[in-house]
Protein backbone atom coordinates (compact mmCIF):
# COMPACT_ATOMS: atom_id res chain seq x y z
CA MET A 1 0.05 -0.04 -0.17
CA GLN A 2 1.03 3.44 -0.70
CA VAL A 3 0.46 5.89 2.34
CA VAL A 4 0.99 9.72 2.00
CA ILE A 5 1.75 11.50 5.19
CA THR A 6 1.43 15.07 5.71
CA GLY A 7 3.24 16.33 9.03
CA GLY A 8 5.37 13.37 8.69
CA THR A 9 8.56 14.53 9.98
CA GLY A 10 6.77 15.06 13.38
CA PHE A 11 7.46 12.11 16.06
CA ILE A 12 4.16 10.69 15.22
CA GLY A 13 4.63 10.73 11.68
CA ARG A 14 8.13 9.55 11.79
CA ALA A 15 7.14 6.53 13.87
CA LEU A 16 4.21 5.91 11.58
CA ALA A 17 6.24 6.16 8.33
CA ALA A 18 8.86 3.91 9.77
CA SER A 19 6.50 1.25 10.87
CA LEU A 20 4.79 1.18 7.57
CA ALA A 21 8.20 1.12 5.55
CA ARG A 22 9.35 -2.02 7.87
CA ASP A 23 6.24 -3.93 6.58
CA GLY A 24 7.00 -3.21 2.96
CA HIS A 25 4.52 -0.35 2.35
CA ARG A 26 5.54 2.72 0.49
CA ALA A 27 5.39 5.50 2.96
CA ILE A 28 5.59 8.97 1.53
CA VAL A 29 6.42 11.83 3.65
CA LEU A 30 5.46 15.60 2.80
CA SER A 31 7.78 18.19 4.00
CA ARG A 32 8.34 21.76 3.34
CA ARG A 33 12.06 21.38 3.74
CA PRO A 34 12.80 18.10 2.44
CA GLU A 35 16.67 18.70 1.94
CA SER A 36 16.73 19.28 5.89
CA ALA A 37 13.91 16.90 7.14
CA PRO A 38 14.99 14.02 9.13
CA VAL A 39 14.34 10.88 7.20
CA PRO A 40 12.11 8.65 9.17
CA GLY A 41 13.77 5.50 8.32
CA PRO A 42 14.97 3.31 5.41
CA GLY A 43 12.29 2.83 2.71
CA VAL A 44 10.67 6.26 3.45
CA GLU A 45 10.41 8.91 0.59
CA VAL A 46 10.40 12.86 1.49
CA VAL A 47 8.59 14.99 -1.06
CA ARG A 48 8.31 18.66 -1.03
CA TRP A 49 4.93 20.53 -0.38
CA ASP A 50 4.22 23.97 0.45
CA GLY A 51 1.51 23.08 3.19
CA ARG A 52 -1.26 25.01 1.51
CA SER A 53 -1.87 23.38 -1.95
CA ALA A 54 -1.73 19.99 -3.81
CA ASP A 55 1.03 21.62 -6.14
CA GLY A 56 3.89 19.12 -6.77
CA TRP A 57 2.61 16.10 -4.79
CA GLY A 58 -1.14 15.86 -5.72
CA GLN A 59 -0.41 13.23 -8.21
CA LEU A 60 0.53 10.83 -5.53
CA VAL A 61 -2.87 10.42 -4.17
CA ALA A 62 -4.10 8.69 -7.36
CA GLY A 63 -2.13 5.63 -6.31
CA ALA A 64 -2.37 5.89 -2.49
CA GLY A 65 -4.33 3.65 -0.08
CA ALA A 66 -4.51 6.32 2.39
CA ILE A 67 -3.71 9.83 3.21
CA VAL A 68 -2.74 10.69 7.02
CA ASN A 69 -2.99 14.45 7.56
CA LEU A 70 -1.02 15.11 10.72
CA ALA A 71 0.35 18.75 9.56
CA GLY A 72 0.15 21.50 12.04
CA GLU A 73 2.52 23.91 13.78
CA SER A 74 3.17 22.68 17.17
CA ILE A 75 1.14 23.65 19.93
CA THR A 76 3.80 23.88 22.55
CA GLY A 77 6.54 25.43 19.89
CA THR A 78 9.77 23.93 18.74
CA GLY A 79 12.06 24.71 21.69
CA TRP A 80 12.45 22.95 24.98
CA ILE A 81 10.72 25.84 26.94
CA PRO A 82 7.12 26.06 25.76
CA SER A 83 6.25 29.17 23.61
CA HIS A 84 3.42 31.39 24.85
CA TRP A 85 0.32 31.67 22.92
CA THR A 86 0.52 35.17 21.58
CA ALA A 87 -2.26 36.15 19.24
CA ALA A 88 0.08 35.71 16.46
CA ARG A 89 0.92 32.09 17.33
CA LYS A 90 -2.55 31.10 17.87
CA ARG A 91 -3.25 32.40 14.52
CA ARG A 92 -0.47 30.18 13.01
CA ILE A 93 -1.43 27.34 15.05
CA ALA A 94 -5.01 27.41 13.66
CA GLU A 95 -4.11 28.40 10.07
CA SER A 96 -1.44 26.03 9.55
CA ARG A 97 -3.99 23.12 10.29
CA THR A 98 -6.63 24.26 8.16
CA SER A 99 -4.26 25.16 5.32
CA ALA A 100 -3.00 21.78 5.31
CA GLY A 101 -6.52 20.06 5.46
CA LEU A 102 -7.98 22.22 2.25
CA ALA A 103 -4.62 21.05 0.41
CA VAL A 104 -5.38 17.40 1.06
CA VAL A 105 -9.15 18.02 -0.12
CA GLN A 106 -7.64 19.77 -3.40
CA ALA A 107 -5.34 16.84 -3.74
CA ILE A 108 -8.28 14.36 -3.42
CA GLU A 109 -10.48 16.48 -5.95
CA GLY A 110 -7.66 15.91 -8.31
CA ALA A 111 -7.47 12.02 -8.08
CA GLY A 112 -8.69 9.84 -10.50
CA GLY A 113 -10.26 6.41 -9.83
CA LYS A 114 -10.75 4.97 -6.26
CA LEU A 115 -10.46 7.54 -3.50
CA PRO A 116 -8.18 6.69 -0.65
CA ALA A 117 -8.92 6.65 3.27
CA LEU A 118 -8.49 9.91 4.81
CA ILE A 119 -6.89 9.61 8.33
CA GLN A 120 -7.31 13.23 9.82
CA ALA A 121 -5.58 14.22 12.96
CA SER A 122 -7.28 15.95 15.81
CA ALA A 123 -6.95 15.81 19.55
CA VAL A 124 -8.93 15.33 22.82
CA GLY A 125 -8.75 19.06 23.19
CA TYR A 126 -11.84 18.93 20.99
CA TYR A 127 -13.99 18.32 23.99
CA GLY A 128 -12.53 21.03 26.19
CA PRO A 129 -11.83 20.80 29.65
CA HIS A 130 -14.07 18.40 31.75
CA ASP A 131 -13.99 17.08 35.28
CA ASP A 132 -14.60 13.36 36.06
CA GLU A 133 -17.13 12.85 33.33
CA ALA A 134 -16.14 9.93 31.26
CA ILE A 135 -15.70 11.52 27.69
CA THR A 136 -16.63 9.26 24.45
CA GLU A 137 -16.66 10.24 20.83
CA ASP A 138 -20.47 11.14 21.03
CA CYS A 139 -19.51 14.32 23.51
CA PRO A 140 -19.97 17.89 21.99
CA PRO A 141 -16.99 20.19 21.37
CA GLY A 142 -15.67 22.65 23.99
CA SER A 143 -15.42 26.37 23.67
CA ASP A 144 -11.85 27.21 24.49
CA PHE A 145 -9.08 27.94 21.97
CA LEU A 146 -7.97 24.21 21.43
CA ALA A 147 -11.28 23.18 21.12
CA SER A 148 -12.06 25.76 18.36
CA VAL A 149 -8.83 24.71 16.79
CA CYS A 150 -9.80 21.04 16.69
CA VAL A 151 -13.04 21.83 15.35
CA ALA A 152 -11.74 23.95 12.43
CA TRP A 153 -8.93 21.20 11.86
CA GLU A 154 -11.57 18.49 11.54
CA ALA A 155 -13.75 20.54 9.20
CA SER A 156 -11.14 21.55 6.98
CA THR A 157 -11.26 18.24 5.18
CA GLN A 158 -14.80 17.50 5.58
CA ARG A 159 -15.55 17.86 1.85
CA ALA A 160 -13.66 14.94 1.19
CA GLU A 161 -16.32 12.73 2.49
CA ALA A 162 -18.91 14.34 -0.44
CA LEU A 163 -16.11 13.19 -2.68
CA GLY A 164 -16.31 9.82 -1.82
CA ALA A 165 -13.19 9.35 0.69
CA ARG A 166 -13.53 7.28 3.75
CA ARG A 167 -12.71 10.00 6.40
CA VAL A 168 -11.52 8.88 9.83
CA LEU A 169 -10.88 11.52 12.92
CA LEU A 170 -8.04 10.92 15.28
CA ARG A 171 -8.84 12.53 18.70
CA THR A 172 -5.54 11.89 20.21
CA GLY A 173 -4.58 12.39 23.89
CA LEU A 174 -0.98 12.83 25.22
CA VAL A 175 1.21 10.62 23.20
CA LEU A 176 4.31 9.09 25.36
CA ASP A 177 7.46 8.87 23.45
CA ALA A 178 10.81 8.18 25.05
CA HIS A 179 12.67 10.93 22.98
CA ALA A 180 10.08 13.51 21.64
CA GLY A 181 6.72 15.12 22.58
CA ALA A 182 5.82 15.93 26.07
CA LEU A 183 7.17 13.01 28.05
CA PRO A 184 11.04 14.01 28.10
CA ARG A 185 9.77 17.55 29.51
CA LEU A 186 7.91 15.66 32.27
CA MET A 187 10.59 13.36 32.84
CA LEU A 188 13.37 16.34 33.38
CA PRO A 189 12.21 17.48 36.95
CA PHE A 190 12.18 13.76 38.12
CA LYS A 191 15.60 13.03 37.28
CA PHE A 192 16.54 16.02 39.88
CA PHE A 193 14.40 14.86 42.53
CA ALA A 194 11.94 17.65 41.93
CA GLY A 195 9.07 16.04 39.86
CA GLY A 196 5.57 15.84 41.20
CA PRO A 197 1.94 16.64 40.23
CA LEU A 198 0.97 19.67 38.19
CA GLY A 199 -1.79 22.15 39.26
CA SER A 200 -4.29 20.27 41.64
CA GLY A 201 -3.35 16.81 40.46
CA ARG A 202 -7.24 16.11 40.39
CA GLN A 203 -7.44 16.67 36.31
CA TRP A 204 -7.71 13.71 33.96
CA CYS A 205 -4.66 12.65 32.04
CA PRO A 206 -5.66 11.03 28.50
CA TRP A 207 -2.57 9.28 27.48
CA ILE A 208 -1.21 6.77 24.95
CA HIS A 209 1.96 4.83 24.22
CA ILE A 210 3.45 5.93 20.99
CA ALA A 211 3.43 2.26 19.67
CA ASP A 212 -0.25 1.89 20.29
CA GLU A 213 -0.59 5.42 18.53
CA VAL A 214 0.99 3.85 15.41
CA ARG A 215 -1.07 0.67 15.75
CA ALA A 216 -4.20 2.51 16.08
CA ILE A 217 -3.52 4.66 13.08
CA ARG A 218 -2.62 1.57 10.97
CA PHE A 219 -5.72 -0.21 12.27
CA LEU A 220 -7.80 2.45 11.31
CA ILE A 221 -6.33 2.82 7.82
CA GLU A 222 -6.78 -0.89 7.46
CA SER A 223 -10.55 -1.10 8.70
CA PRO A 224 -12.90 -0.35 5.74
CA GLU A 225 -15.51 0.14 8.33
CA ALA A 226 -13.92 2.98 10.33
CA ARG A 227 -15.48 6.38 9.91
CA GLY A 228 -15.83 9.27 11.98
CA PRO A 229 -14.27 10.52 15.21
CA PHE A 230 -12.16 8.07 17.49
CA ASN A 231 -10.47 8.78 20.81
CA LEU A 232 -6.76 7.56 20.66
CA THR A 233 -6.18 6.97 24.26
CA ALA A 234 -5.39 4.30 26.43
CA PRO A 235 -8.64 2.80 27.98
CA ASN A 236 -7.24 3.64 31.47
CA PRO A 237 -6.81 7.20 31.81
CA LEU A 238 -5.19 8.37 35.21
CA THR A 239 -5.35 11.72 37.15
CA ASN A 240 -2.35 13.76 36.86
CA LEU A 241 -1.43 12.82 40.44
CA ALA A 242 -1.63 9.21 39.71
CA PHE A 243 0.32 9.60 36.47
CA SER A 244 2.95 11.60 38.30
CA ARG A 245 3.47 8.83 41.05
CA ALA A 246 3.65 6.21 37.86
CA LEU A 247 6.13 8.50 36.28
CA GLY A 248 8.08 8.68 39.48
CA LYS A 249 7.91 5.01 40.14
CA ALA A 250 9.19 4.10 36.69
CA MET A 251 12.11 6.33 37.15
CA GLY A 252 12.99 5.38 40.70
CA ARG A 253 11.99 8.90 42.00
CA PRO A 254 9.62 10.29 44.27
CA ALA A 255 6.64 12.38 43.05
CA LEU A 256 6.27 14.87 46.05
CA ALA A 257 7.16 18.24 44.64
CA LEU A 258 3.96 20.59 43.52
CA ALA A 259 3.63 22.87 40.88
CA PRO A 260 0.65 25.15 41.85
CA ALA A 261 -1.72 25.91 39.07
CA PHE A 262 -1.67 29.87 39.69
CA ALA A 263 2.41 29.43 39.14
CA LEU A 264 1.87 27.34 36.01
CA ARG A 265 -0.64 29.96 34.54
CA LEU A 266 1.69 32.85 35.57
CA ALA A 267 4.52 31.17 33.72
CA LEU A 268 2.59 29.69 30.60
CA GLY A 269 -0.53 32.08 30.24
CA GLU A 270 -3.25 30.68 28.48
CA MET A 271 -1.22 27.59 27.47
CA ALA A 272 -1.25 26.24 31.05
CA THR A 273 -4.45 24.68 30.34
CA LEU A 274 -2.34 21.74 28.81
CA VAL A 275 -1.18 20.90 31.98
CA VAL A 276 -3.82 22.05 34.58
CA ASP A 277 -7.06 20.93 32.80
CA GLY A 278 -7.85 17.81 31.11
CA GLN A 279 -10.26 15.09 30.00
CA ARG A 280 -11.33 11.67 30.89
CA ALA A 281 -11.35 10.54 27.46
CA LEU A 282 -12.11 6.89 26.53
CA PRO A 283 -11.46 4.80 23.47
CA ALA A 284 -14.99 3.64 23.15
CA ARG A 285 -15.25 3.26 19.25
CA LEU A 286 -11.86 1.73 18.97
CA ALA A 287 -12.77 -0.82 21.57
CA GLY A 288 -15.95 -1.46 19.73
CA LEU A 289 -13.85 -2.16 16.48
CA GLY A 290 -11.81 -4.80 18.64
CA PHE A 291 -8.40 -2.89 18.87
CA CYS A 292 -6.32 -4.21 21.25
CA PHE A 293 -3.77 -2.36 22.96
CA ALA A 294 -0.35 -3.38 23.60
CA PHE A 295 0.08 -0.97 26.77
CA PRO A 296 -3.50 -0.19 28.49
CA ASP A 297 -1.98 0.66 31.82
CA ALA A 298 0.33 3.69 32.41
CA GLY A 299 2.87 1.88 34.51
CA ALA A 300 3.89 -0.71 32.10
CA ALA A 301 3.81 1.95 29.38
CA LEU A 302 6.10 4.32 31.59
CA ARG A 303 8.47 1.37 32.39
CA ASP A 304 8.92 0.62 28.78
CA LEU A 305 9.54 4.29 27.79
CA VAL A 306 12.00 4.98 30.77
CA ALA A 307 14.08 2.07 29.74
CA GLY A 308 13.83 3.21 26.15
CA SER A 309 15.06 6.65 27.32
CA ALA A 310 17.94 5.10 28.95
CA GLY A 311 19.04 3.00 25.97
CA GLY A 312 17.13 -0.15 26.99
CA SER A 313 14.83 -2.46 25.36
CA ALA A 314 11.54 -0.20 24.81
CA ALA A 315 8.88 -1.47 22.85
CA LYS A 316 9.24 -1.05 18.88
CA ARG A 317 7.31 1.75 17.43
CA GLY A 318 4.04 0.29 15.96
């Protein structure tokens, strides 16, 4: 199968492309700077695109079994220290996603013959902050900035359905990876015996191991009955306090230091919602299709990833 991946140089896209290539599929990653893009692995092809149109790559859709649209500017920024959500950054975050989605629809419009499956990225931020309520795919969207971004992101490719494509929406939680994403940042204070819960600790943390993220995306690509939204979260979410304790235990460190919500809001501004708010999101529709998680529990997932960060035998991604 040929799979085209936008945003394929991000850590989820790299893991997905490498997994596909290992199994003999043709993975094509789109990048605005292919000459400097990290190649996800052997057998993965990197092709230039502008992030706004189908120019130069749209012809690849005609032979593809799936397009996976992961493109969008990082919510937290590219540096180690998260970047504040200024008005300009918020605009770039939203526009990068909707522009990429419209480009994908343009490519599908120009495709001849059978249309591919479209796997469209989104996030559990779609639901907005919630307390203890269990969140499934039937819940309505929230009203904060992240929810508005997810709603627009999903809507940007809706026309693909009218064109005949099977569209799947990935409402992903916190993706845990040993070397990228949020986990290395969360691990850092624990290394110095300064780790602990963030804010009240009562907020829910919908997480998923990178291996299960990749496996779930591939499962949805290969399941012709899969359509609409799917929560890509492990079946056992934890509160931030329980997650912090599990991470500390995996690292052999205490989880005693507190980071008060007011201090986090002062340091991060509006972006503090990423750590002080949460959703108890459950993968109801994935479970309904029979998907089995390799890492359903945070303890085993974090032990695997901590071992991987130290050069141990972490699970292969996908």
